[in-house]
Amino acid sequence: MTLWNVLKGRVGAVRASGHRVCKGSPQRRAFHALALLALTALPTPSVARCADLALVLAIDASGSIGEAEFKIQLQGYAAAFRSHDVQQAIRSVGDVDVAVVLWADGEMAAQVQPFRDVSSVAAALDLADRILRIQRTVTGNTGIGRGLWTALDLIEYDRPCAHRRVVNVSGDGKESKAPRSRSQVTLAAARARAELLDVTVNALAIQSEIKDLADWYSKHLLTGSGAFVMGIADLSSFAASIERKLVREIAHPMLAGTEVGDFPPRAPNLGSSRH
């Protein structure tokens, strides 16, 4: 039985007895105290948590990425979140939330792992394990627009108050030019939406087959403050490159040019990071 029900029962009993409760009487004071206690016990709306950084990993799972290459990407991301340098970059920022999007054909819904708080070492290691366990269910053409649009959905609807919002795209191809259905999202539309939402889009270009992919990403994909692209010749250097890239984009913009390993420890939290 709740405190509120107890209060109503006590009031009902007094009314049934026909007795009056005089102002200032012990009974009246007891009723007031019980009412106050009941009200303070009622649930209150929770205060929304605003992360310092909301980061979406948008990973290429299109048909041009073989199963072995796909696993190399997952292993690279997992190793990065297990690394001291990425964890140190997270500590230098504060509250960091990360989501994962596997994108492929623009006609297919992307796979999504929702945002998780990775601000502690244990949470970062847990994310690494979750990334390794991802089972791929998408394939087909290179629908970067669909992947970016899905990442923006996550940011706009799940982390709208994050102080910084970043999408990390990794892929090995340009947007497919196949005939589009009316429901397919173009890369140009997704990029314009990112600009409107003030989301920074960075990229890692896997240039195994398309040697100018980094330039293409720079012209057609990147947007936002401090946006950058890194290019690699093939997947053999993916793990090391994605670690460097994550350190750079997770770190506060004022520290983004700092060499890996040079980040200062996170300052003591003298106030609340939950707004």
C-alpha atoms as a PDB file:
ATOM      1  CA  MET A   1       0.000   0.000   0.000  1.00  0.00           C
ATOM      2  CA  THR A   2       1.373   3.421  -1.006  1.00  0.00           C
ATOM      3  CA  LEU A   3       1.716   6.393   1.297  1.00  0.00           C
ATOM      4  CA  TRP A   4      -0.939   8.183  -0.707  1.00  0.00           C
ATOM      5  CA  ASN A   5      -3.425   5.361  -0.114  1.00  0.00           C
ATOM      6  CA  VAL A   6      -2.609   5.387   3.604  1.00  0.00           C
ATOM      7  CA  LEU A   7      -3.318   9.128   3.709  1.00  0.00           C
ATOM      8  CA  LYS A   8      -6.651   8.736   1.931  1.00  0.00           C
ATOM      9  CA  GLY A   9      -7.599   5.935   4.311  1.00  0.00           C
ATOM     10  CA  ARG A  10      -6.807   8.041   7.387  1.00  0.00           C
ATOM     11  CA  VAL A  11      -8.831  10.980   6.060  1.00  0.00           C
ATOM     12  CA  GLY A  12     -11.741   8.714   5.195  1.00  0.00           C
ATOM     13  CA  ALA A  13     -11.719   7.181   8.679  1.00  0.00           C
ATOM     14  CA  VAL A  14     -11.901  10.610  10.320  1.00  0.00           C
ATOM     15  CA  ARG A  15     -14.758  11.664   8.074  1.00  0.00           C
ATOM     16  CA  ALA A  16     -16.656   8.445   8.820  1.00  0.00           C
ATOM     17  CA  SER A  17     -16.323   9.052  12.574  1.00  0.00           C
ATOM     18  CA  GLY A  18     -17.983  12.450  12.269  1.00  0.00           C
ATOM     19  CA  HIS A  19     -15.162  14.201  14.154  1.00  0.00           C
ATOM     20  CA  ARG A  20     -13.890  17.589  13.038  1.00  0.00           C
ATOM     21  CA  VAL A  21     -10.159  18.163  12.711  1.00  0.00           C
ATOM     22  CA  CYS A  22      -9.468  21.584  14.170  1.00  0.00           C
ATOM     23  CA  LYS A  23      -6.873  23.949  12.791  1.00  0.00           C
ATOM     24  CA  GLY A  24      -3.590  23.507  14.654  1.00  0.00           C
ATOM     25  CA  SER A  25      -4.639  20.256  16.237  1.00  0.00           C
ATOM     26  CA  PRO A  26      -2.172  17.335  16.465  1.00  0.00           C
ATOM     27  CA  GLN A  27      -4.347  15.364  14.037  1.00  0.00           C
ATOM     28  CA  ARG A  28      -4.278  18.119  11.429  1.00  0.00           C
ATOM     29  CA  ARG A  29      -0.500  18.503  11.757  1.00  0.00           C
ATOM     30  CA  ALA A  30      -0.126  14.734  11.350  1.00  0.00           C
ATOM     31  CA  PHE A  31      -2.246  14.816   8.174  1.00  0.00           C
ATOM     32  CA  HIS A  32      -0.117  17.612   6.728  1.00  0.00           C
ATOM     33  CA  ALA A  33       3.096  15.732   7.503  1.00  0.00           C
ATOM     34  CA  LEU A  34       1.767  12.546   5.955  1.00  0.00           C
ATOM     35  CA  ALA A  35       0.584  14.402   2.852  1.00  0.00           C
ATOM     36  CA  LEU A  36       4.003  16.024   2.395  1.00  0.00           C
ATOM     37  CA  LEU A  37       5.722  12.663   2.764  1.00  0.00           C
ATOM     38  CA  ALA A  38       3.378  11.100   0.209  1.00  0.00           C
ATOM     39  CA  LEU A  39       4.022  13.872  -2.326  1.00  0.00           C
ATOM     40  CA  THR A  40       7.800  13.660  -1.978  1.00  0.00           C
ATOM     41  CA  ALA A  41       7.588   9.895  -2.531  1.00  0.00           C
ATOM     42  CA  LEU A  42       5.881  10.334  -5.906  1.00  0.00           C
ATOM     43  CA  PRO A  43       8.099   9.633  -8.941  1.00  0.00           C
ATOM     44  CA  THR A  44       9.598  12.675 -10.605  1.00  0.00           C
ATOM     45  CA  PRO A  45      10.628  13.047 -14.247  1.00  0.00           C
ATOM     46  CA  SER A  46      14.260  12.050 -14.800  1.00  0.00           C
ATOM     47  CA  VAL A  47      16.715  14.703 -15.928  1.00  0.00           C
ATOM     48  CA  ALA A  48      17.952  14.088 -19.474  1.00  0.00           C
ATOM     49  CA  ARG A  49      21.611  13.205 -19.794  1.00  0.00           C
ATOM     50  CA  CYS A  50      23.492  15.291 -22.327  1.00  0.00           C
ATOM     51  CA  ALA A  51      26.737  13.654 -23.424  1.00  0.00           C
ATOM     52  CA  ASP A  52      29.820  15.713 -24.168  1.00  0.00           C
ATOM     53  CA  LEU A  53      30.163  13.719 -27.400  1.00  0.00           C
ATOM     54  CA  ALA A  54      27.742  11.533 -29.369  1.00  0.00           C
ATOM     55  CA  LEU A  55      29.686   9.486 -31.920  1.00  0.00           C
ATOM     56  CA  VAL A  56      28.230   7.149 -34.554  1.00  0.00           C
ATOM     57  CA  LEU A  57      30.487   4.588 -36.225  1.00  0.00           C
ATOM     58  CA  ALA A  58      29.087   4.162 -39.760  1.00  0.00           C
ATOM     59  CA  ILE A  59      30.760   1.031 -41.126  1.00  0.00           C
ATOM     60  CA  ASP A  60      30.677  -0.133 -44.753  1.00  0.00           C
ATOM     61  CA  ALA A  61      29.045  -3.569 -45.116  1.00  0.00           C
ATOM     62  CA  SER A  62      28.206  -3.298 -48.826  1.00  0.00           C
ATOM     63  CA  GLY A  63      28.875  -6.007 -51.411  1.00  0.00           C
ATOM     64  CA  SER A  64      32.349  -4.672 -52.188  1.00  0.00           C
ATOM     65  CA  ILE A  65      33.406  -5.629 -48.654  1.00  0.00           C
ATOM     66  CA  GLY A  66      34.059  -9.361 -48.422  1.00  0.00           C
ATOM     67  CA  GLU A  67      33.471 -11.295 -45.229  1.00  0.00           C
ATOM     68  CA  ALA A  68      37.178 -11.313 -44.344  1.00  0.00           C
ATOM     69  CA  GLU A  69      37.408  -7.564 -44.990  1.00  0.00           C
ATOM     70  CA  PHE A  70      34.301  -6.954 -42.912  1.00  0.00           C
ATOM     71  CA  LYS A  71      35.837  -8.832 -39.986  1.00  0.00           C
ATOM     72  CA  ILE A  72      39.030  -6.792 -40.323  1.00  0.00           C
ATOM     73  CA  GLN A  73      36.965  -3.623 -39.874  1.00  0.00           C
ATOM     74  CA  LEU A  74      35.208  -4.976 -36.783  1.00  0.00           C
ATOM     75  CA  GLN A  75      38.496  -6.186 -35.316  1.00  0.00           C
ATOM     76  CA  GLY A  76      40.046  -2.771 -35.957  1.00  0.00           C
ATOM     77  CA  TYR A  77      37.254  -0.879 -34.209  1.00  0.00           C
ATOM     78  CA  ALA A  78      37.288  -3.336 -31.292  1.00  0.00           C
ATOM     79  CA  ALA A  79      41.051  -3.021 -30.896  1.00  0.00           C
ATOM     80  CA  ALA A  80      40.748   0.766 -30.958  1.00  0.00           C
ATOM     81  CA  PHE A  81      38.288   0.877 -28.055  1.00  0.00           C
ATOM     82  CA  ARG A  82      40.541  -1.471 -26.114  1.00  0.00           C
ATOM     83  CA  SER A  83      43.546   0.766 -26.694  1.00  0.00           C
ATOM     84  CA  HIS A  84      45.015   3.083 -24.087  1.00  0.00           C
ATOM     85  CA  ASP A  85      45.091   6.045 -26.493  1.00  0.00           C
ATOM     86  CA  VAL A  86      41.389   5.921 -27.380  1.00  0.00           C
ATOM     87  CA  GLN A  87      40.428   5.434 -23.732  1.00  0.00           C
ATOM     88  CA  GLN A  88      42.652   8.350 -22.777  1.00  0.00           C
ATOM     89  CA  ALA A  89      40.982  10.524 -25.429  1.00  0.00           C
ATOM     90  CA  ILE A  90      37.575   9.575 -23.990  1.00  0.00           C
ATOM     91  CA  ARG A  91      38.698  10.525 -20.473  1.00  0.00           C
ATOM     92  CA  SER A  92      39.918  13.901 -21.759  1.00  0.00           C
ATOM     93  CA  VAL A  93      36.419  14.687 -23.053  1.00  0.00           C
ATOM     94  CA  GLY A  94      34.005  13.479 -20.361  1.00  0.00           C
ATOM     95  CA  ASP A  95      30.756  11.687 -21.162  1.00  0.00           C
ATOM     96  CA  VAL A  96      31.029   9.909 -24.520  1.00  0.00           C
ATOM     97  CA  ASP A  97      28.220   7.886 -26.132  1.00  0.00           C
ATOM     98  CA  VAL A  98      28.824   5.653 -29.148  1.00  0.00           C
ATOM     99  CA  ALA A  99      26.420   3.964 -31.573  1.00  0.00           C
ATOM    100  CA  VAL A 100      27.150   1.672 -34.525  1.00  0.00           C
ATOM    101  CA  VAL A 101      25.527   1.645 -37.981  1.00  0.00           C
ATOM    102  CA  LEU A 102      26.299  -0.982 -40.626  1.00  0.00           C
ATOM    103  CA  TRP A 103      25.314   0.466 -43.978  1.00  0.00           C
ATOM    104  CA  ALA A 104      25.097  -1.135 -47.402  1.00  0.00           C
ATOM    105  CA  ASP A 105      22.468  -1.013 -50.157  1.00  0.00           C
ATOM    106  CA  GLY A 106      20.394   2.162 -50.113  1.00  0.00           C
ATOM    107  CA  GLU A 107      17.242   0.038 -50.502  1.00  0.00           C
ATOM    108  CA  MET A 108      17.973  -1.858 -47.263  1.00  0.00           C
ATOM    109  CA  ALA A 109      17.533  -0.688 -43.698  1.00  0.00           C
ATOM    110  CA  ALA A 110      20.894  -0.318 -41.991  1.00  0.00           C
ATOM    111  CA  GLN A 111      21.853  -2.439 -38.985  1.00  0.00           C
ATOM    112  CA  VAL A 112      21.970  -0.437 -35.777  1.00  0.00           C
ATOM    113  CA  GLN A 113      23.498  -0.821 -32.361  1.00  0.00           C
ATOM    114  CA  PRO A 114      22.031   2.002 -30.245  1.00  0.00           C
ATOM    115  CA  PHE A 115      24.018   4.518 -28.232  1.00  0.00           C
ATOM    116  CA  ARG A 116      25.956   3.283 -25.224  1.00  0.00           C
ATOM    117  CA  ASP A 117      27.924   5.257 -22.659  1.00  0.00           C
ATOM    118  CA  VAL A 118      31.622   4.353 -23.098  1.00  0.00           C
ATOM    119  CA  SER A 119      33.034   6.886 -20.636  1.00  0.00           C
ATOM    120  CA  SER A 120      34.625   4.243 -18.403  1.00  0.00           C
ATOM    121  CA  VAL A 121      37.286   1.713 -19.343  1.00  0.00           C
ATOM    122  CA  ALA A 122      34.909  -1.145 -18.563  1.00  0.00           C
ATOM    123  CA  ALA A 123      32.234   0.344 -20.838  1.00  0.00           C
ATOM    124  CA  ALA A 124      34.721   0.865 -23.677  1.00  0.00           C
ATOM    125  CA  LEU A 125      35.845  -2.763 -23.385  1.00  0.00           C
ATOM    126  CA  ASP A 126      32.218  -3.893 -23.388  1.00  0.00           C
ATOM    127  CA  LEU A 127      31.595  -1.958 -26.614  1.00  0.00           C
ATOM    128  CA  ALA A 128      34.644  -3.631 -28.168  1.00  0.00           C
ATOM    129  CA  ASP A 129      33.203  -7.047 -27.335  1.00  0.00           C
ATOM    130  CA  ARG A 130      29.801  -6.087 -28.751  1.00  0.00           C
ATOM    131  CA  ILE A 131      31.346  -4.887 -32.002  1.00  0.00           C
ATOM    132  CA  LEU A 132      33.157  -8.198 -32.449  1.00  0.00           C
ATOM    133  CA  ARG A 133      29.888 -10.095 -31.997  1.00  0.00           C
ATOM    134  CA  ILE A 134      28.030  -8.212 -34.737  1.00  0.00           C
ATOM    135  CA  GLN A 135      26.509 -10.556 -37.305  1.00  0.00           C
ATOM    136  CA  ARG A 136      26.249  -8.950 -40.722  1.00  0.00           C
ATOM    137  CA  THR A 137      22.787  -9.004 -42.312  1.00  0.00           C
ATOM    138  CA  VAL A 138      23.119  -6.266 -44.953  1.00  0.00           C
ATOM    139  CA  THR A 139      24.903  -6.201 -48.315  1.00  0.00           C
ATOM    140  CA  GLY A 140      24.382  -4.867 -51.856  1.00  0.00           C
ATOM    141  CA  ASN A 141      25.262  -1.533 -53.436  1.00  0.00           C
ATOM    142  CA  THR A 142      27.110   1.317 -51.751  1.00  0.00           C
ATOM    143  CA  GLY A 143      24.370   3.392 -50.149  1.00  0.00           C
ATOM    144  CA  ILE A 144      26.379   5.882 -48.136  1.00  0.00           C
ATOM    145  CA  GLY A 145      23.419   8.272 -48.064  1.00  0.00           C
ATOM    146  CA  ARG A 146      21.233   5.702 -46.323  1.00  0.00           C
ATOM    147  CA  GLY A 147      23.970   4.936 -43.805  1.00  0.00           C
ATOM    148  CA  LEU A 148      24.562   8.597 -42.998  1.00  0.00           C
ATOM    149  CA  TRP A 149      20.820   9.285 -42.760  1.00  0.00           C
ATOM    150  CA  THR A 150      20.414   6.435 -40.264  1.00  0.00           C
ATOM    151  CA  ALA A 151      23.312   7.798 -38.190  1.00  0.00           C
ATOM    152  CA  LEU A 152      21.667  11.227 -38.179  1.00  0.00           C
ATOM    153  CA  ASP A 153      18.361   9.689 -37.048  1.00  0.00           C
ATOM    154  CA  LEU A 154      20.148   8.230 -34.039  1.00  0.00           C
ATOM    155  CA  ILE A 155      21.726  11.560 -33.174  1.00  0.00           C
ATOM    156  CA  GLU A 156      18.636  13.712 -33.696  1.00  0.00           C
ATOM    157  CA  TYR A 157      16.188  11.492 -31.846  1.00  0.00           C
ATOM    158  CA  ASP A 158      18.360   9.710 -29.256  1.00  0.00           C
ATOM    159  CA  ARG A 159      21.080  12.266 -28.429  1.00  0.00           C
ATOM    160  CA  PRO A 160      19.672  15.668 -29.442  1.00  0.00           C
ATOM    161  CA  CYS A 161      21.368  17.600 -26.631  1.00  0.00           C
ATOM    162  CA  ALA A 162      24.896  16.180 -26.982  1.00  0.00           C
ATOM    163  CA  HIS A 163      27.403  19.022 -27.009  1.00  0.00           C
ATOM    164  CA  ARG A 164      29.276  17.581 -29.997  1.00  0.00           C
ATOM    165  CA  ARG A 165      27.822  15.202 -32.592  1.00  0.00           C
ATOM    166  CA  VAL A 166      30.112  13.269 -34.945  1.00  0.00           C
ATOM    167  CA  VAL A 167      29.653  10.551 -37.567  1.00  0.00           C
ATOM    168  CA  ASN A 168      32.696   8.424 -38.385  1.00  0.00           C
ATOM    169  CA  VAL A 169      32.255   6.874 -41.854  1.00  0.00           C
ATOM    170  CA  SER A 170      34.572   4.111 -43.069  1.00  0.00           C
ATOM    171  CA  GLY A 171      34.176   2.648 -46.553  1.00  0.00           C
ATOM    172  CA  ASP A 172      35.828   1.524 -49.759  1.00  0.00           C
ATOM    173  CA  GLY A 173      33.582   2.988 -52.451  1.00  0.00           C
ATOM    174  CA  LYS A 174      31.667   5.921 -53.844  1.00  0.00           C
ATOM    175  CA  GLU A 175      27.899   6.264 -53.675  1.00  0.00           C
ATOM    176  CA  SER A 176      26.284   3.853 -56.165  1.00  0.00           C
ATOM    177  CA  LYS A 177      24.626   5.489 -59.191  1.00  0.00           C
ATOM    178  CA  ALA A 178      22.098   2.723 -59.847  1.00  0.00           C
ATOM    179  CA  PRO A 179      18.449   3.723 -60.480  1.00  0.00           C
ATOM    180  CA  ARG A 180      16.913   4.893 -57.204  1.00  0.00           C
ATOM    181  CA  SER A 181      13.494   4.286 -55.739  1.00  0.00           C
ATOM    182  CA  ARG A 182      11.592   7.238 -54.313  1.00  0.00           C
ATOM    183  CA  SER A 183      12.372   6.013 -50.790  1.00  0.00           C
ATOM    184  CA  GLN A 184      16.140   5.917 -51.265  1.00  0.00           C
ATOM    185  CA  VAL A 185      18.130   8.672 -49.566  1.00  0.00           C
ATOM    186  CA  THR A 186      20.796  10.417 -51.622  1.00  0.00           C
ATOM    187  CA  LEU A 187      24.161  11.266 -50.136  1.00  0.00           C
ATOM    188  CA  ALA A 188      23.613  14.930 -51.022  1.00  0.00           C
ATOM    189  CA  ALA A 189      20.371  14.983 -48.999  1.00  0.00           C
ATOM    190  CA  ALA A 190      21.978  13.247 -46.031  1.00  0.00           C
ATOM    191  CA  ARG A 191      24.940  15.606 -46.089  1.00  0.00           C
ATOM    192  CA  ALA A 192      22.633  18.633 -46.190  1.00  0.00           C
ATOM    193  CA  ARG A 193      20.767  17.256 -43.176  1.00  0.00           C
ATOM    194  CA  ALA A 194      24.071  16.825 -41.303  1.00  0.00           C
ATOM    195  CA  GLU A 195      24.885  20.470 -41.981  1.00  0.00           C
ATOM    196  CA  LEU A 196      21.448  21.527 -40.740  1.00  0.00           C
ATOM    197  CA  LEU A 197      21.880  19.499 -37.526  1.00  0.00           C
ATOM    198  CA  ASP A 198      25.431  20.805 -36.991  1.00  0.00           C
ATOM    199  CA  VAL A 199      26.838  17.267 -37.131  1.00  0.00           C
ATOM    200  CA  THR A 200      30.457  16.759 -38.154  1.00  0.00           C
ATOM    201  CA  VAL A 201      31.037  13.955 -40.664  1.00  0.00           C
ATOM    202  CA  ASN A 202      34.543  12.490 -40.929  1.00  0.00           C
ATOM    203  CA  ALA A 203      35.716   9.608 -43.097  1.00  0.00           C
ATOM    204  CA  LEU A 204      38.287   6.851 -43.472  1.00  0.00           C
ATOM    205  CA  ALA A 205      38.735   5.957 -47.146  1.00  0.00           C
ATOM    206  CA  ILE A 206      39.867   2.392 -47.894  1.00  0.00           C
ATOM    207  CA  GLN A 207      41.523   2.959 -51.285  1.00  0.00           C
ATOM    208  CA  SER A 208      42.160  -0.639 -52.303  1.00  0.00           C
ATOM    209  CA  GLU A 209      40.405  -0.156 -55.635  1.00  0.00           C
ATOM    210  CA  ILE A 210      39.465   3.532 -55.869  1.00  0.00           C
ATOM    211  CA  LYS A 211      42.683   5.469 -55.462  1.00  0.00           C
ATOM    212  CA  ASP A 212      41.032   8.895 -55.277  1.00  0.00           C
ATOM    213  CA  LEU A 213      38.376   7.885 -52.750  1.00  0.00           C
ATOM    214  CA  ALA A 214      39.719  10.194 -50.039  1.00  0.00           C
ATOM    215  CA  ASP A 215      39.350  13.158 -52.414  1.00  0.00           C
ATOM    216  CA  TRP A 216      35.830  12.045 -53.339  1.00  0.00           C
ATOM    217  CA  TYR A 217      34.858  11.775 -49.680  1.00  0.00           C
ATOM    218  CA  SER A 218      36.293  15.227 -49.064  1.00  0.00           C
ATOM    219  CA  LYS A 219      34.142  16.738 -51.822  1.00  0.00           C
ATOM    220  CA  HIS A 220      30.911  14.802 -51.352  1.00  0.00           C
ATOM    221  CA  LEU A 221      30.741  13.478 -47.771  1.00  0.00           C
ATOM    222  CA  LEU A 222      32.665  15.603 -45.279  1.00  0.00           C
ATOM    223  CA  THR A 223      30.895  18.421 -43.481  1.00  0.00           C
ATOM    224  CA  GLY A 224      31.025  20.282 -40.191  1.00  0.00           C
ATOM    225  CA  SER A 225      33.568  21.972 -38.001  1.00  0.00           C
ATOM    226  CA  GLY A 226      37.015  20.382 -38.209  1.00  0.00           C
ATOM    227  CA  ALA A 227      35.862  17.603 -40.574  1.00  0.00           C
ATOM    228  CA  PHE A 228      38.676  15.484 -41.989  1.00  0.00           C
ATOM    229  CA  VAL A 229      39.341  12.389 -44.081  1.00  0.00           C
ATOM    230  CA  MET A 230      42.102   9.804 -43.772  1.00  0.00           C
ATOM    231  CA  GLY A 231      43.064   7.550 -46.676  1.00  0.00           C
ATOM    232  CA  ILE A 232      44.670   4.102 -46.486  1.00  0.00           C
ATOM    233  CA  ALA A 233      45.993   2.010 -49.375  1.00  0.00           C
ATOM    234  CA  ASP A 234      44.407  -1.225 -48.148  1.00  0.00           C
ATOM    235  CA  LEU A 235      42.930  -2.933 -45.097  1.00  0.00           C
ATOM    236  CA  SER A 236      46.300  -4.062 -43.751  1.00  0.00           C
ATOM    237  CA  SER A 237      46.665  -0.693 -42.014  1.00  0.00           C
ATOM    238  CA  PHE A 238      42.999  -0.323 -41.037  1.00  0.00           C
ATOM    239  CA  ALA A 239      43.384  -1.076 -37.316  1.00  0.00           C
ATOM    240  CA  ALA A 240      46.204   1.400 -36.728  1.00  0.00           C
ATOM    241  CA  SER A 241      44.518   4.062 -38.866  1.00  0.00           C
ATOM    242  CA  ILE A 242      41.086   3.804 -37.249  1.00  0.00           C
ATOM    243  CA  GLU A 243      42.683   4.085 -33.814  1.00  0.00           C
ATOM    244  CA  ARG A 244      44.439   7.313 -34.811  1.00  0.00           C
ATOM    245  CA  LYS A 245      41.253   8.597 -36.405  1.00  0.00           C
ATOM    246  CA  LEU A 246      39.129   7.866 -33.325  1.00  0.00           C
ATOM    247  CA  VAL A 247      41.647   9.569 -31.043  1.00  0.00           C
ATOM    248  CA  ARG A 248      41.532  12.651 -33.255  1.00  0.00           C
ATOM    249  CA  GLU A 249      37.735  12.907 -33.528  1.00  0.00           C
ATOM    250  CA  ILE A 250      36.933  11.956 -29.926  1.00  0.00           C
ATOM    251  CA  ALA A 251      39.350  14.482 -28.443  1.00  0.00           C
ATOM    252  CA  HIS A 252      38.116  17.965 -27.746  1.00  0.00           C
ATOM    253  CA  PRO A 253      38.607  20.174 -30.852  1.00  0.00           C
ATOM    254  CA  MET A 254      41.264  22.198 -29.029  1.00  0.00           C
ATOM    255  CA  LEU A 255      43.238  18.961 -28.547  1.00  0.00           C
ATOM    256  CA  ALA A 256      42.516  17.376 -31.923  1.00  0.00           C
ATOM    257  CA  GLY A 257      45.953  18.245 -33.251  1.00  0.00           C
ATOM    258  CA  THR A 258      47.728  16.763 -30.250  1.00  0.00           C
ATOM    259  CA  GLU A 259      49.898  13.738 -30.921  1.00  0.00           C
ATOM    260  CA  VAL A 260      48.600  10.368 -29.778  1.00  0.00           C
ATOM    261  CA  GLY A 261      49.603   9.724 -26.180  1.00  0.00           C
ATOM    262  CA  ASP A 262      49.912  13.422 -25.303  1.00  0.00           C
ATOM    263  CA  PHE A 263      46.385  14.013 -24.005  1.00  0.00           C
ATOM    264  CA  PRO A 264      46.176  15.390 -20.475  1.00  0.00           C
ATOM    265  CA  PRO A 265      44.198  13.385 -17.926  1.00  0.00           C
ATOM    266  CA  ARG A 266      40.580  14.355 -17.467  1.00  0.00           C
ATOM    267  CA  ALA A 267      40.169  17.105 -14.897  1.00  0.00           C
ATOM    268  CA  PRO A 268      38.174  16.349 -11.747  1.00  0.00           C
ATOM    269  CA  ASN A 269      34.459  16.899 -12.334  1.00  0.00           C
ATOM    270  CA  LEU A 270      33.631  19.822 -10.037  1.00  0.00           C
ATOM    271  CA  GLY A 271      30.114  20.163 -11.402  1.00  0.00           C
ATOM    272  CA  SER A 272      27.561  17.867 -12.976  1.00  0.00           C
ATOM    273  CA  SER A 273      28.022  16.697 -16.560  1.00  0.00           C
ATOM    274  CA  ARG A 274      24.342  15.780 -16.631  1.00  0.00           C
ATOM    275  CA  HIS A 275      22.260  18.713 -17.810  1.00  0.00           C
END
